ModelCIF file with pLDDT and N, C-alpha, C, O atoms, coordinates in Angstrom:
data_MODEL
#
_entry.id   MODEL 
#
_entity.id                         1 
_entity.type                       polymer 
_entity.pdbx_number_of_molecules   1 
#
_entity_poly.entity_id                      1 
_entity_poly.type                           'polypeptide(L)' 
_entity_poly.nstd_linkage                   no 
_entity_poly.nstd_monomer                   no 
_entity_poly.pdbx_seq_one_letter_code       AAMELREEARRTGLAERVRFLGARSDVPEVLRALDVYVLTSLYEG 
_entity_poly.pdbx_seq_one_letter_code_can   AAMELREEARRTGLAERVRFLGARSDVPEVLRALDVYVLTSLYEG 
_entity_poly.pdbx_strand_id                 A 
#
loop_
_entity_poly_seq.entity_id 
_entity_poly_seq.num 
_entity_poly_seq.mon_id 
_entity_poly_seq.hetero 
1 1  ALA n 
1 2  ALA n 
1 3  MET n 
1 4  GLU n 
1 5  LEU n 
1 6  ARG n 
1 7  GLU n 
1 8  GLU n 
1 9  ALA n 
1 10 ARG n 
1 11 ARG n 
1 12 THR n 
1 13 GLY n 
1 14 LEU n 
1 15 ALA n 
1 16 GLU n 
1 17 ARG n 
1 18 VAL n 
1 19 ARG n 
1 20 PHE n 
1 21 LEU n 
1 22 GLY n 
1 23 ALA n 
1 24 ARG n 
1 25 SER n 
1 26 ASP n 
1 27 VAL n 
1 28 PRO n 
1 29 GLU n 
1 30 VAL n 
1 31 LEU n 
1 32 ARG n 
1 33 ALA n 
1 34 LEU n 
1 35 ASP n 
1 36 VAL n 
1 37 TYR n 
1 38 VAL n 
1 39 LEU n 
1 40 THR n 
1 41 SER n 
1 42 LEU n 
1 43 TYR n 
1 44 GLU n 
1 45 GLY n 
#
_struct_asym.id          A 
_struct_asym.entity_id   1 
#
loop_
_ma_qa_metric.id 
_ma_qa_metric.mode 
_ma_qa_metric.name 
_ma_qa_metric.software_group_id 
_ma_qa_metric.type 
1 global pLDDT . pLDDT 
2 local  pLDDT . pLDDT 
#
_ma_qa_metric_global.metric_id      1 
_ma_qa_metric_global.metric_value   95.60 
_ma_qa_metric_global.model_id       1 
_ma_qa_metric_global.ordinal_id     1 
#
loop_
_ma_qa_metric_local.label_asym_id 
_ma_qa_metric_local.label_comp_id 
_ma_qa_metric_local.label_seq_id 
_ma_qa_metric_local.metric_id 
_ma_qa_metric_local.metric_value 
_ma_qa_metric_local.model_id 
_ma_qa_metric_local.ordinal_id 
A ALA 1  2 95.00 1 1  
A ALA 2  2 95.00 1 2  
A MET 3  2 96.00 1 3  
A GLU 4  2 96.00 1 4  
A LEU 5  2 97.00 1 5  
A ARG 6  2 97.00 1 6  
A GLU 7  2 96.00 1 7  
A GLU 8  2 97.00 1 8  
A ALA 9  2 97.00 1 9  
A ARG 10 2 96.00 1 10 
A ARG 11 2 95.00 1 11 
A THR 12 2 95.00 1 12 
A GLY 13 2 95.00 1 13 
A LEU 14 2 95.00 1 14 
A ALA 15 2 95.00 1 15 
A GLU 16 2 94.00 1 16 
A ARG 17 2 95.00 1 17 
A VAL 18 2 97.00 1 18 
A ARG 19 2 96.00 1 19 
A PHE 20 2 97.00 1 20 
A LEU 21 2 96.00 1 21 
A GLY 22 2 93.00 1 22 
A ALA 23 2 90.00 1 23 
A ARG 24 2 91.00 1 24 
A SER 25 2 89.00 1 25 
A ASP 26 2 95.00 1 26 
A VAL 27 2 96.00 1 27 
A PRO 28 2 97.00 1 28 
A GLU 29 2 98.00 1 29 
A VAL 30 2 98.00 1 30 
A LEU 31 2 98.00 1 31 
A ARG 32 2 98.00 1 32 
A ALA 33 2 98.00 1 33 
A LEU 34 2 98.00 1 34 
A ASP 35 2 98.00 1 35 
A VAL 36 2 98.00 1 36 
A TYR 37 2 98.00 1 37 
A VAL 38 2 98.00 1 38 
A LEU 39 2 98.00 1 39 
A THR 40 2 98.00 1 40 
A SER 41 2 96.00 1 41 
A LEU 42 2 96.00 1 42 
A TYR 43 2 91.00 1 43 
A GLU 44 2 92.00 1 44 
A GLY 45 2 88.00 1 45 
#
loop_
_atom_site.group_PDB 
_atom_site.id 
_atom_site.type_symbol 
_atom_site.label_atom_id 
_atom_site.label_alt_id 
_atom_site.label_comp_id 
_atom_site.label_asym_id 
_atom_site.label_entity_id 
_atom_site.label_seq_id 
_atom_site.pdbx_PDB_ins_code 
_atom_site.Cartn_x 
_atom_site.Cartn_y 
_atom_site.Cartn_z 
_atom_site.occupancy 
_atom_site.B_iso_or_equiv 
_atom_site.pdbx_formal_charge 
_atom_site.auth_seq_id 
_atom_site.auth_comp_id 
_atom_site.auth_asym_id 
_atom_site.auth_atom_id 
_atom_site.pdbx_PDB_model_num 
ATOM 1   N N  . ALA A 1 1  ? -49.353 11.399 -43.100 1.00 95.00 ? 1  ALA A N  1 
ATOM 2   C CA . ALA A 1 1  ? -50.024 10.099 -42.868 1.00 95.00 ? 1  ALA A CA 1 
ATOM 3   C C  . ALA A 1 1  ? -48.930 9.190  -42.785 1.00 95.00 ? 1  ALA A C  1 
ATOM 4   O O  . ALA A 1 1  ? -49.186 8.008  -43.015 1.00 95.00 ? 1  ALA A O  1 
ATOM 5   N N  . ALA A 1 2  ? -47.759 9.511  -42.500 1.00 95.00 ? 2  ALA A N  1 
ATOM 6   C CA . ALA A 1 2  ? -46.444 8.404  -42.578 1.00 95.00 ? 2  ALA A CA 1 
ATOM 7   C C  . ALA A 1 2  ? -46.683 7.747  -41.027 1.00 95.00 ? 2  ALA A C  1 
ATOM 8   O O  . ALA A 1 2  ? -46.452 6.554  -40.830 1.00 95.00 ? 2  ALA A O  1 
ATOM 9   N N  . MET A 1 3  ? -47.138 8.586  -40.019 1.00 96.00 ? 3  MET A N  1 
ATOM 10  C CA . MET A 1 3  ? -46.745 7.814  -38.512 1.00 96.00 ? 3  MET A CA 1 
ATOM 11  C C  . MET A 1 3  ? -48.092 6.561  -38.724 1.00 96.00 ? 3  MET A C  1 
ATOM 12  O O  . MET A 1 3  ? -47.659 5.411  -38.651 1.00 96.00 ? 3  MET A O  1 
ATOM 13  N N  . GLU A 1 4  ? -49.648 6.676  -38.973 1.00 96.00 ? 4  GLU A N  1 
ATOM 14  C CA . GLU A 1 4  ? -50.838 6.295  -39.006 1.00 96.00 ? 4  GLU A CA 1 
ATOM 15  C C  . GLU A 1 4  ? -50.402 5.219  -40.275 1.00 96.00 ? 4  GLU A C  1 
ATOM 16  O O  . GLU A 1 4  ? -51.221 4.300  -40.257 1.00 96.00 ? 4  GLU A O  1 
ATOM 17  N N  . LEU A 1 5  ? -49.673 5.073  -41.066 1.00 97.00 ? 5  LEU A N  1 
ATOM 18  C CA . LEU A 1 5  ? -49.474 4.116  -42.192 1.00 97.00 ? 5  LEU A CA 1 
ATOM 19  C C  . LEU A 1 5  ? -48.646 3.051  -41.467 1.00 97.00 ? 5  LEU A C  1 
ATOM 20  O O  . LEU A 1 5  ? -49.148 2.010  -41.043 1.00 97.00 ? 5  LEU A O  1 
ATOM 21  N N  . ARG A 1 6  ? -47.412 3.349  -41.352 1.00 97.00 ? 6  ARG A N  1 
ATOM 22  C CA . ARG A 1 6  ? -46.604 2.762  -40.283 1.00 97.00 ? 6  ARG A CA 1 
ATOM 23  C C  . ARG A 1 6  ? -47.222 2.011  -39.033 1.00 97.00 ? 6  ARG A C  1 
ATOM 24  O O  . ARG A 1 6  ? -46.778 0.877  -38.856 1.00 97.00 ? 6  ARG A O  1 
ATOM 25  N N  . GLU A 1 7  ? -48.410 2.575  -37.920 1.00 96.00 ? 7  GLU A N  1 
ATOM 26  C CA . GLU A 1 7  ? -48.965 1.933  -37.521 1.00 96.00 ? 7  GLU A CA 1 
ATOM 27  C C  . GLU A 1 7  ? -50.021 0.794  -37.831 1.00 96.00 ? 7  GLU A C  1 
ATOM 28  O O  . GLU A 1 7  ? -50.260 -0.212 -37.164 1.00 96.00 ? 7  GLU A O  1 
ATOM 29  N N  . GLU A 1 8  ? -50.537 1.179  -38.911 1.00 97.00 ? 8  GLU A N  1 
ATOM 30  C CA . GLU A 1 8  ? -51.083 0.117  -39.813 1.00 97.00 ? 8  GLU A CA 1 
ATOM 31  C C  . GLU A 1 8  ? -50.680 -0.981 -40.142 1.00 97.00 ? 8  GLU A C  1 
ATOM 32  O O  . GLU A 1 8  ? -51.196 -2.005 -39.696 1.00 97.00 ? 8  GLU A O  1 
ATOM 33  N N  . ALA A 1 9  ? -49.852 -0.988 -40.843 1.00 97.00 ? 9  ALA A N  1 
ATOM 34  C CA . ALA A 1 9  ? -48.487 -2.058 -41.005 1.00 97.00 ? 9  ALA A CA 1 
ATOM 35  C C  . ALA A 1 9  ? -48.295 -2.605 -40.302 1.00 97.00 ? 9  ALA A C  1 
ATOM 36  O O  . ALA A 1 9  ? -48.152 -3.788 -40.613 1.00 97.00 ? 9  ALA A O  1 
ATOM 37  N N  . ARG A 1 10 ? -48.157 -2.307 -39.057 1.00 96.00 ? 10 ARG A N  1 
ATOM 38  C CA . ARG A 1 10 ? -47.999 -3.494 -37.589 1.00 96.00 ? 10 ARG A CA 1 
ATOM 39  C C  . ARG A 1 10 ? -49.239 -4.018 -37.104 1.00 96.00 ? 10 ARG A C  1 
ATOM 40  O O  . ARG A 1 10 ? -49.323 -5.101 -36.524 1.00 96.00 ? 10 ARG A O  1 
ATOM 41  N N  . ARG A 1 11 ? -50.159 -3.290 -37.326 1.00 95.00 ? 11 ARG A N  1 
ATOM 42  C CA . ARG A 1 11 ? -51.875 -3.569 -36.864 1.00 95.00 ? 11 ARG A CA 1 
ATOM 43  C C  . ARG A 1 11 ? -52.448 -4.726 -37.669 1.00 95.00 ? 11 ARG A C  1 
ATOM 44  O O  . ARG A 1 11 ? -53.168 -5.696 -37.434 1.00 95.00 ? 11 ARG A O  1 
ATOM 45  N N  . THR A 1 12 ? -51.821 -4.207 -38.721 1.00 95.00 ? 12 THR A N  1 
ATOM 46  C CA . THR A 1 12 ? -52.431 -5.677 -39.844 1.00 95.00 ? 12 THR A CA 1 
ATOM 47  C C  . THR A 1 12 ? -51.433 -7.124 -40.378 1.00 95.00 ? 12 THR A C  1 
ATOM 48  O O  . THR A 1 12 ? -51.717 -8.042 -41.147 1.00 95.00 ? 12 THR A O  1 
ATOM 49  N N  . GLY A 1 13 ? -50.415 -6.883 -39.732 1.00 95.00 ? 13 GLY A N  1 
ATOM 50  C CA . GLY A 1 13 ? -49.140 -8.004 -39.391 1.00 95.00 ? 13 GLY A CA 1 
ATOM 51  C C  . GLY A 1 13 ? -47.935 -7.651 -40.330 1.00 95.00 ? 13 GLY A C  1 
ATOM 52  O O  . GLY A 1 13 ? -46.882 -8.268 -40.168 1.00 95.00 ? 13 GLY A O  1 
ATOM 53  N N  . LEU A 1 14 ? -48.047 -6.552 -41.444 1.00 95.00 ? 14 LEU A N  1 
ATOM 54  C CA . LEU A 1 14 ? -47.506 -6.481 -42.951 1.00 95.00 ? 14 LEU A CA 1 
ATOM 55  C C  . LEU A 1 14 ? -46.147 -5.873 -42.520 1.00 95.00 ? 14 LEU A C  1 
ATOM 56  O O  . LEU A 1 14 ? -45.176 -5.838 -43.276 1.00 95.00 ? 14 LEU A O  1 
ATOM 57  N N  . ALA A 1 15 ? -46.146 -5.259 -40.887 1.00 95.00 ? 15 ALA A N  1 
ATOM 58  C CA . ALA A 1 15 ? -44.799 -4.454 -40.546 1.00 95.00 ? 15 ALA A CA 1 
ATOM 59  C C  . ALA A 1 15 ? -43.391 -5.339 -41.239 1.00 95.00 ? 15 ALA A C  1 
ATOM 60  O O  . ALA A 1 15 ? -42.390 -4.622 -41.268 1.00 95.00 ? 15 ALA A O  1 
ATOM 61  N N  . GLU A 1 16 ? -43.252 -6.239 -41.587 1.00 94.00 ? 16 GLU A N  1 
ATOM 62  C CA . GLU A 1 16 ? -41.772 -7.321 -42.257 1.00 94.00 ? 16 GLU A CA 1 
ATOM 63  C C  . GLU A 1 16 ? -42.002 -7.090 -43.865 1.00 94.00 ? 16 GLU A C  1 
ATOM 64  O O  . GLU A 1 16 ? -41.104 -7.324 -44.674 1.00 94.00 ? 16 GLU A O  1 
ATOM 65  N N  . ARG A 1 17 ? -43.452 -6.548 -44.289 1.00 95.00 ? 17 ARG A N  1 
ATOM 66  C CA . ARG A 1 17 ? -43.645 -7.018 -45.290 1.00 95.00 ? 17 ARG A CA 1 
ATOM 67  C C  . ARG A 1 17 ? -43.367 -5.753 -46.479 1.00 95.00 ? 17 ARG A C  1 
ATOM 68  O O  . ARG A 1 17 ? -43.235 -5.905 -47.694 1.00 95.00 ? 17 ARG A O  1 
ATOM 69  N N  . VAL A 1 18 ? -43.327 -4.358 -45.615 1.00 97.00 ? 18 VAL A N  1 
ATOM 70  C CA . VAL A 1 18 ? -43.972 -2.936 -46.431 1.00 97.00 ? 18 VAL A CA 1 
ATOM 71  C C  . VAL A 1 18 ? -42.445 -2.282 -46.505 1.00 97.00 ? 18 VAL A C  1 
ATOM 72  O O  . VAL A 1 18 ? -41.516 -2.374 -45.703 1.00 97.00 ? 18 VAL A O  1 
ATOM 73  N N  . ARG A 1 19 ? -42.523 -1.722 -47.527 1.00 96.00 ? 19 ARG A N  1 
ATOM 74  C CA . ARG A 1 19 ? -41.283 -0.872 -47.616 1.00 96.00 ? 19 ARG A CA 1 
ATOM 75  C C  . ARG A 1 19 ? -41.824 0.435  -47.906 1.00 96.00 ? 19 ARG A C  1 
ATOM 76  O O  . ARG A 1 19 ? -42.422 0.829  -48.907 1.00 96.00 ? 19 ARG A O  1 
ATOM 77  N N  . PHE A 1 20 ? -41.394 1.231  -46.491 1.00 97.00 ? 20 PHE A N  1 
ATOM 78  C CA . PHE A 1 20 ? -41.838 2.824  -46.700 1.00 97.00 ? 20 PHE A CA 1 
ATOM 79  C C  . PHE A 1 20 ? -40.268 3.353  -47.356 1.00 97.00 ? 20 PHE A C  1 
ATOM 80  O O  . PHE A 1 20 ? -39.195 3.073  -46.822 1.00 97.00 ? 20 PHE A O  1 
ATOM 81  N N  . LEU A 1 21 ? -40.391 4.024  -48.396 1.00 96.00 ? 21 LEU A N  1 
ATOM 82  C CA . LEU A 1 21 ? -39.170 4.303  -49.057 1.00 96.00 ? 21 LEU A CA 1 
ATOM 83  C C  . LEU A 1 21 ? -38.644 6.120  -49.466 1.00 96.00 ? 21 LEU A C  1 
ATOM 84  O O  . LEU A 1 21 ? -37.666 6.625  -50.017 1.00 96.00 ? 21 LEU A O  1 
ATOM 85  N N  . GLY A 1 22 ? -39.788 6.588  -48.899 1.00 93.00 ? 22 GLY A N  1 
ATOM 86  C CA . GLY A 1 22 ? -39.425 8.339  -48.859 1.00 93.00 ? 22 GLY A CA 1 
ATOM 87  C C  . GLY A 1 22 ? -39.796 8.840  -49.893 1.00 93.00 ? 22 GLY A C  1 
ATOM 88  O O  . GLY A 1 22 ? -40.594 8.241  -50.614 1.00 93.00 ? 22 GLY A O  1 
ATOM 89  N N  . ALA A 1 23 ? -39.222 10.263 -50.267 1.00 90.00 ? 23 ALA A N  1 
ATOM 90  C CA . ALA A 1 23 ? -39.370 10.495 -51.621 1.00 90.00 ? 23 ALA A CA 1 
ATOM 91  C C  . ALA A 1 23 ? -38.054 10.419 -52.346 1.00 90.00 ? 23 ALA A C  1 
ATOM 92  O O  . ALA A 1 23 ? -37.016 11.000 -52.029 1.00 90.00 ? 23 ALA A O  1 
ATOM 93  N N  . ARG A 1 24 ? -38.339 9.271  -53.799 1.00 91.00 ? 24 ARG A N  1 
ATOM 94  C CA . ARG A 1 24 ? -37.507 9.104  -54.880 1.00 91.00 ? 24 ARG A CA 1 
ATOM 95  C C  . ARG A 1 24 ? -37.392 9.750  -56.101 1.00 91.00 ? 24 ARG A C  1 
ATOM 96  O O  . ARG A 1 24 ? -38.255 9.737  -56.979 1.00 91.00 ? 24 ARG A O  1 
ATOM 97  N N  . SER A 1 25 ? -36.354 10.297 -56.149 1.00 89.00 ? 25 SER A N  1 
ATOM 98  C CA . SER A 1 25 ? -35.810 10.728 -57.526 1.00 89.00 ? 25 SER A CA 1 
ATOM 99  C C  . SER A 1 25 ? -35.812 9.842  -59.070 1.00 89.00 ? 25 SER A C  1 
ATOM 100 O O  . SER A 1 25 ? -35.883 10.168 -60.255 1.00 89.00 ? 25 SER A O  1 
ATOM 101 N N  . ASP A 1 26 ? -35.697 8.599  -58.336 1.00 95.00 ? 26 ASP A N  1 
ATOM 102 C CA . ASP A 1 26 ? -35.649 7.245  -59.590 1.00 95.00 ? 26 ASP A CA 1 
ATOM 103 C C  . ASP A 1 26 ? -37.040 6.254  -59.592 1.00 95.00 ? 26 ASP A C  1 
ATOM 104 O O  . ASP A 1 26 ? -37.107 5.025  -59.598 1.00 95.00 ? 26 ASP A O  1 
ATOM 105 N N  . VAL A 1 27 ? -38.065 7.224  -59.586 1.00 96.00 ? 27 VAL A N  1 
ATOM 106 C CA . VAL A 1 27 ? -39.619 7.020  -59.901 1.00 96.00 ? 27 VAL A CA 1 
ATOM 107 C C  . VAL A 1 27 ? -39.518 5.915  -60.823 1.00 96.00 ? 27 VAL A C  1 
ATOM 108 O O  . VAL A 1 27 ? -39.942 4.874  -60.320 1.00 96.00 ? 27 VAL A O  1 
ATOM 109 N N  . PRO A 1 28 ? -39.009 5.768  -62.252 1.00 97.00 ? 28 PRO A N  1 
ATOM 110 C CA . PRO A 1 28 ? -39.393 4.122  -63.356 1.00 97.00 ? 28 PRO A CA 1 
ATOM 111 C C  . PRO A 1 28 ? -38.528 3.381  -62.516 1.00 97.00 ? 28 PRO A C  1 
ATOM 112 O O  . PRO A 1 28 ? -39.045 2.296  -62.249 1.00 97.00 ? 28 PRO A O  1 
ATOM 113 N N  . GLU A 1 29 ? -37.363 3.541  -61.966 1.00 98.00 ? 29 GLU A N  1 
ATOM 114 C CA . GLU A 1 29 ? -36.822 2.468  -61.089 1.00 98.00 ? 29 GLU A CA 1 
ATOM 115 C C  . GLU A 1 29 ? -37.419 1.825  -60.350 1.00 98.00 ? 29 GLU A C  1 
ATOM 116 O O  . GLU A 1 29 ? -37.178 0.618  -60.351 1.00 98.00 ? 29 GLU A O  1 
ATOM 117 N N  . VAL A 1 30 ? -38.328 2.301  -59.522 1.00 98.00 ? 30 VAL A N  1 
ATOM 118 C CA . VAL A 1 30 ? -38.778 1.639  -58.593 1.00 98.00 ? 30 VAL A CA 1 
ATOM 119 C C  . VAL A 1 30 ? -40.439 1.342  -58.898 1.00 98.00 ? 30 VAL A C  1 
ATOM 120 O O  . VAL A 1 30 ? -41.183 0.581  -58.278 1.00 98.00 ? 30 VAL A O  1 
ATOM 121 N N  . LEU A 1 31 ? -40.803 2.349  -60.258 1.00 98.00 ? 31 LEU A N  1 
ATOM 122 C CA . LEU A 1 31 ? -42.149 1.668  -60.590 1.00 98.00 ? 31 LEU A CA 1 
ATOM 123 C C  . LEU A 1 31 ? -41.736 -0.102 -61.735 1.00 98.00 ? 31 LEU A C  1 
ATOM 124 O O  . LEU A 1 31 ? -42.482 -1.056 -61.957 1.00 98.00 ? 31 LEU A O  1 
ATOM 125 N N  . ARG A 1 32 ? -40.637 0.086  -62.080 1.00 98.00 ? 32 ARG A N  1 
ATOM 126 C CA . ARG A 1 32 ? -40.039 -1.151 -62.452 1.00 98.00 ? 32 ARG A CA 1 
ATOM 127 C C  . ARG A 1 32 ? -39.826 -2.435 -62.016 1.00 98.00 ? 32 ARG A C  1 
ATOM 128 O O  . ARG A 1 32 ? -39.568 -3.427 -62.698 1.00 98.00 ? 32 ARG A O  1 
ATOM 129 N N  . ALA A 1 33 ? -39.980 -2.323 -60.569 1.00 98.00 ? 33 ALA A N  1 
ATOM 130 C CA . ALA A 1 33 ? -39.443 -3.374 -59.671 1.00 98.00 ? 33 ALA A CA 1 
ATOM 131 C C  . ALA A 1 33 ? -41.312 -4.345 -59.532 1.00 98.00 ? 33 ALA A C  1 
ATOM 132 O O  . ALA A 1 33 ? -41.549 -5.513 -59.226 1.00 98.00 ? 33 ALA A O  1 
ATOM 133 N N  . LEU A 1 34 ? -42.262 -3.210 -59.911 1.00 98.00 ? 34 LEU A N  1 
ATOM 134 C CA . LEU A 1 34 ? -43.190 -3.813 -59.160 1.00 98.00 ? 34 LEU A CA 1 
ATOM 135 C C  . LEU A 1 34 ? -44.193 -4.440 -60.065 1.00 98.00 ? 34 LEU A C  1 
ATOM 136 O O  . LEU A 1 34 ? -44.207 -4.141 -61.259 1.00 98.00 ? 34 LEU A O  1 
ATOM 137 N N  . ASP A 1 35 ? -45.101 -5.363 -59.516 1.00 98.00 ? 35 ASP A N  1 
ATOM 138 C CA . ASP A 1 35 ? -46.016 -6.274 -60.432 1.00 98.00 ? 35 ASP A CA 1 
ATOM 139 C C  . ASP A 1 35 ? -47.163 -5.638 -60.597 1.00 98.00 ? 35 ASP A C  1 
ATOM 140 O O  . ASP A 1 35 ? -47.788 -5.488 -61.647 1.00 98.00 ? 35 ASP A O  1 
ATOM 141 N N  . VAL A 1 36 ? -47.414 -5.281 -59.571 1.00 98.00 ? 36 VAL A N  1 
ATOM 142 C CA . VAL A 1 36 ? -48.703 -4.100 -59.875 1.00 98.00 ? 36 VAL A CA 1 
ATOM 143 C C  . VAL A 1 36 ? -49.061 -3.186 -58.905 1.00 98.00 ? 36 VAL A C  1 
ATOM 144 O O  . VAL A 1 36 ? -48.977 -3.300 -57.682 1.00 98.00 ? 36 VAL A O  1 
ATOM 145 N N  . TYR A 1 37 ? -49.626 -1.911 -59.831 1.00 98.00 ? 37 TYR A N  1 
ATOM 146 C CA . TYR A 1 37 ? -49.421 -0.790 -58.825 1.00 98.00 ? 37 TYR A CA 1 
ATOM 147 C C  . TYR A 1 37 ? -51.211 -0.544 -58.449 1.00 98.00 ? 37 TYR A C  1 
ATOM 148 O O  . TYR A 1 37 ? -52.154 -0.824 -59.188 1.00 98.00 ? 37 TYR A O  1 
ATOM 149 N N  . VAL A 1 38 ? -51.260 0.071  -57.044 1.00 98.00 ? 38 VAL A N  1 
ATOM 150 C CA . VAL A 1 38 ? -52.238 0.642  -56.780 1.00 98.00 ? 38 VAL A CA 1 
ATOM 151 C C  . VAL A 1 38 ? -52.758 1.905  -56.263 1.00 98.00 ? 38 VAL A C  1 
ATOM 152 O O  . VAL A 1 38 ? -52.057 2.515  -55.456 1.00 98.00 ? 38 VAL A O  1 
ATOM 153 N N  . LEU A 1 39 ? -54.113 2.477  -56.682 1.00 98.00 ? 39 LEU A N  1 
ATOM 154 C CA . LEU A 1 39 ? -54.079 3.582  -56.187 1.00 98.00 ? 39 LEU A CA 1 
ATOM 155 C C  . LEU A 1 39 ? -55.504 3.859  -55.842 1.00 98.00 ? 39 LEU A C  1 
ATOM 156 O O  . LEU A 1 39 ? -56.532 3.680  -56.494 1.00 98.00 ? 39 LEU A O  1 
ATOM 157 N N  . THR A 1 40 ? -55.246 4.470  -54.326 1.00 98.00 ? 40 THR A N  1 
ATOM 158 C CA . THR A 1 40 ? -56.397 4.227  -53.325 1.00 98.00 ? 40 THR A CA 1 
ATOM 159 C C  . THR A 1 40 ? -57.020 5.050  -52.758 1.00 98.00 ? 40 THR A C  1 
ATOM 160 O O  . THR A 1 40 ? -57.803 4.759  -51.854 1.00 98.00 ? 40 THR A O  1 
ATOM 161 N N  . SER A 1 41 ? -56.742 6.631  -53.292 1.00 96.00 ? 41 SER A N  1 
ATOM 162 C CA . SER A 1 41 ? -57.442 7.621  -53.591 1.00 96.00 ? 41 SER A CA 1 
ATOM 163 C C  . SER A 1 41 ? -58.938 8.028  -53.602 1.00 96.00 ? 41 SER A C  1 
ATOM 164 O O  . SER A 1 41 ? -59.736 7.573  -54.422 1.00 96.00 ? 41 SER A O  1 
ATOM 165 N N  . LEU A 1 42 ? -59.359 9.194  -52.330 1.00 96.00 ? 42 LEU A N  1 
ATOM 166 C CA . LEU A 1 42 ? -60.760 9.218  -51.657 1.00 96.00 ? 42 LEU A CA 1 
ATOM 167 C C  . LEU A 1 42 ? -60.807 10.153 -52.998 1.00 96.00 ? 42 LEU A C  1 
ATOM 168 O O  . LEU A 1 42 ? -61.711 9.880  -53.789 1.00 96.00 ? 42 LEU A O  1 
ATOM 169 N N  . TYR A 1 43 ? -60.030 11.104 -53.296 1.00 91.00 ? 43 TYR A N  1 
ATOM 170 C CA . TYR A 1 43 ? -60.365 11.899 -54.651 1.00 91.00 ? 43 TYR A CA 1 
ATOM 171 C C  . TYR A 1 43 ? -59.067 12.130 -55.248 1.00 91.00 ? 43 TYR A C  1 
ATOM 172 O O  . TYR A 1 43 ? -57.982 12.147 -54.668 1.00 91.00 ? 43 TYR A O  1 
ATOM 173 N N  . GLU A 1 44 ? -59.376 12.356 -56.825 1.00 92.00 ? 44 GLU A N  1 
ATOM 174 C CA . GLU A 1 44 ? -58.624 12.414 -57.751 1.00 92.00 ? 44 GLU A CA 1 
ATOM 175 C C  . GLU A 1 44 ? -58.583 13.455 -58.481 1.00 92.00 ? 44 GLU A C  1 
ATOM 176 O O  . GLU A 1 44 ? -59.712 13.943 -58.530 1.00 92.00 ? 44 GLU A O  1 
ATOM 177 N N  . GLY A 1 45 ? -57.238 14.513 -59.558 1.00 88.00 ? 45 GLY A N  1 
ATOM 178 C CA . GLY A 1 45 ? -58.115 14.975 -60.562 1.00 88.00 ? 45 GLY A CA 1 
ATOM 179 C C  . GLY A 1 45 ? -57.167 13.868 -61.557 1.00 88.00 ? 45 GLY A C  1 
ATOM 180 O O  . GLY A 1 45 ? -57.424 13.739 -62.754 1.00 88.00 ? 45 GLY A O  1 
#
């Protein structure tokens, strides 16, 4: 879905505000940089 998400960021005017970081091994550090975490899945365990 990466290509569609980049297009959605452009369509919604957020392209300059969205960072696509790719796969990361430093997930705790990435999470520590956040203020809010969002999960929007259609289904999960």
